[in-house]
């Protein structure tokens, strides 16, 4: 009987260690803040967004770089979750109560040129945006 109890205790202990290790490795993702340091390296000013498949360009004033995250949801009050926060790429998932959600990836090529991909739901309709954004002047 003692042998069987010892075996069960070892299995339970190994399971607890495995669960603890899984939580430990997941912590950086769960504990991530809104760092997004890469966006702070972008040159401030007027940026022109050339959306693929759309004839008309769009201009926005970039002060912090965060303006590029919610291109379809311009309202404030949206919650954001940082999925990826790298030196050359950030990905943010956001939810805007009553107006949908989105997920945006921004890849930095230079301080004045980025590639954007965003998709989600806006005003009850799905959207998908692929664009290049380039600094084009002062605002």
Protein backbone atom coordinates (compact mmCIF):
# COMPACT_ATOMS: atom_id res chain seq x y z
CA UNK A 1 0.00 0.00 0.00
CA UNK A 2 2.81 2.40 0.83
CA UNK A 3 4.43 1.88 -2.57
CA UNK A 4 1.18 2.80 -4.36
CA UNK A 5 0.68 5.90 -2.17
CA UNK A 6 4.27 7.03 -2.84
CA UNK A 7 3.73 6.60 -6.60
CA UNK A 8 0.52 8.61 -6.51
CA UNK A 9 2.22 11.35 -4.50
CA UNK A 10 5.08 11.50 -7.02
CA UNK A 11 2.65 11.78 -9.93
CA UNK A 12 0.75 14.56 -8.15
CA UNK A 13 3.99 16.37 -7.33
CA UNK A 14 5.18 16.14 -10.94
CA UNK A 15 1.80 17.43 -12.11
CA UNK A 16 2.05 20.39 -9.73
CA UNK A 17 5.59 21.14 -10.94
CA UNK A 18 4.47 20.97 -14.59
CA UNK A 19 1.51 23.27 -13.88
CA UNK A 20 3.79 25.71 -12.06
CA UNK A 21 6.26 25.69 -14.96
CA UNK A 22 3.47 26.35 -17.44
CA UNK A 23 2.30 29.33 -15.39
CA UNK A 24 5.86 30.62 -15.06
CA UNK A 25 6.43 30.57 -18.83
CA UNK A 26 3.04 32.17 -19.46
CA UNK A 27 3.65 35.04 -17.02
CA UNK A 28 5.46 37.40 -19.44
CA UNK A 29 2.44 37.29 -21.76
CA UNK A 30 -0.09 37.77 -18.99
CA UNK A 31 1.90 40.45 -17.16
CA UNK A 32 2.70 42.48 -20.27
CA UNK A 33 2.01 46.18 -20.01
CA UNK A 34 1.42 48.75 -22.69
CA UNK A 35 5.15 49.28 -23.41
CA UNK A 36 5.15 49.35 -27.22
CA UNK A 37 8.60 50.96 -27.25
CA UNK A 38 8.95 50.49 -31.02
CA UNK A 39 6.12 52.95 -31.65
CA UNK A 40 8.05 55.60 -29.73
CA UNK A 41 10.92 55.30 -32.23
CA UNK A 42 8.73 56.43 -35.14
CA UNK A 43 9.25 59.96 -36.46
CA UNK A 44 6.51 62.29 -35.27
CA UNK A 45 4.48 64.24 -37.82
CA UNK A 46 2.00 63.75 -40.65
CA UNK A 47 1.82 60.21 -41.99
CA UNK A 48 0.13 59.08 -45.19
CA UNK A 49 -1.54 55.69 -45.13
CA UNK A 50 -1.77 53.93 -48.49
CA UNK A 51 -4.26 51.12 -48.04
CA UNK A 52 -3.95 48.32 -50.58
CA UNK A 53 -7.05 48.05 -52.74
CA UNK A 54 -8.28 51.55 -51.82
CA UNK A 55 -7.65 54.45 -54.21
CA UNK A 56 -7.78 57.26 -51.65
CA UNK A 57 -4.87 57.85 -49.23
CA UNK A 58 -5.51 58.85 -45.64
CA UNK A 59 -3.43 61.27 -43.56
CA UNK A 60 -3.07 61.21 -39.79
CA UNK A 61 -0.94 63.11 -37.30
CA UNK A 62 1.36 60.74 -35.40
CA UNK A 63 2.43 62.01 -31.99
CA UNK A 64 3.20 58.78 -30.14
CA UNK A 65 2.83 56.05 -32.77
CA UNK A 66 -0.20 54.63 -30.95
CA UNK A 67 -2.42 56.44 -33.47
CA UNK A 68 -1.60 53.66 -35.93
CA UNK A 69 -3.15 50.92 -33.76
CA UNK A 70 -6.86 51.76 -34.07
CA UNK A 71 -7.23 53.08 -37.61
CA UNK A 72 -10.80 51.79 -37.93
CA UNK A 73 -11.84 52.61 -34.36
CA UNK A 74 -10.86 56.25 -33.82
CA UNK A 75 -12.86 56.60 -30.59
CA UNK A 76 -11.28 56.57 -27.15
CA UNK A 77 -12.32 54.20 -24.38
CA UNK A 78 -11.17 51.02 -26.10
CA UNK A 79 -9.27 48.45 -24.04
CA UNK A 80 -6.02 47.14 -25.48
CA UNK A 81 -4.01 43.97 -24.93
CA UNK A 82 -0.42 43.77 -26.17
CA UNK A 83 0.14 40.48 -27.98
CA UNK A 84 3.65 41.19 -29.31
CA UNK A 85 6.04 43.98 -28.29
CA UNK A 86 9.25 43.60 -30.27
CA UNK A 87 11.94 45.95 -31.53
CA UNK A 88 10.61 45.85 -35.10
CA UNK A 89 7.00 44.64 -34.70
CA UNK A 90 4.08 45.18 -32.35
CA UNK A 91 0.70 43.48 -32.32
CA UNK A 92 -2.20 44.83 -30.28
CA UNK A 93 -5.66 43.41 -29.83
CA UNK A 94 -8.33 45.89 -28.76
CA UNK A 95 -12.03 46.00 -27.90
CA UNK A 96 -14.27 49.06 -28.20
CA UNK A 97 -17.48 48.59 -26.17
CA UNK A 98 -20.51 48.82 -28.42
CA UNK A 99 -18.44 49.24 -31.61
CA UNK A 100 -16.48 46.05 -32.15
CA UNK A 101 -12.85 45.04 -31.90
CA UNK A 102 -9.66 44.68 -33.87
CA UNK A 103 -6.18 43.25 -33.99
CA UNK A 104 -3.39 45.34 -35.53
CA UNK A 105 0.20 44.40 -36.38
CA UNK A 106 2.70 47.15 -37.17
CA UNK A 107 6.06 46.24 -38.68
CA UNK A 108 8.74 48.93 -38.62
CA UNK A 109 10.94 49.25 -41.68
CA UNK A 110 12.43 52.64 -40.76
CA UNK A 111 11.48 55.44 -38.39
CA UNK A 112 9.40 56.91 -41.21
CA UNK A 113 7.96 53.78 -42.84
CA UNK A 114 5.82 50.95 -41.42
CA UNK A 115 3.65 48.14 -42.76
CA UNK A 116 0.19 47.75 -41.20
CA UNK A 117 -2.22 44.84 -41.01
CA UNK A 118 -5.50 45.13 -39.13
CA UNK A 119 -8.73 43.17 -39.01
CA UNK A 120 -11.80 42.97 -36.85
CA UNK A 121 -15.38 44.20 -36.57
CA UNK A 122 -16.41 47.86 -36.91
CA UNK A 123 -20.03 49.02 -36.71
CA UNK A 124 -21.17 45.40 -36.95
CA UNK A 125 -19.23 44.73 -40.16
CA UNK A 126 -15.96 42.84 -40.64
CA UNK A 127 -12.94 44.74 -41.93
CA UNK A 128 -9.47 43.85 -43.12
CA UNK A 129 -6.85 46.48 -43.77
CA UNK A 130 -3.39 46.06 -45.28
CA UNK A 131 -1.44 49.29 -45.75
CA UNK A 132 1.85 51.09 -45.84
CA UNK A 133 2.24 54.19 -43.68
CA UNK A 134 4.95 56.74 -44.40
CA UNK A 135 5.87 60.04 -42.76
CA UNK A 136 5.13 62.77 -45.28
CA UNK A 137 5.49 66.04 -43.37
CA UNK A 138 4.69 68.04 -40.26
CA UNK A 139 1.27 68.35 -38.64
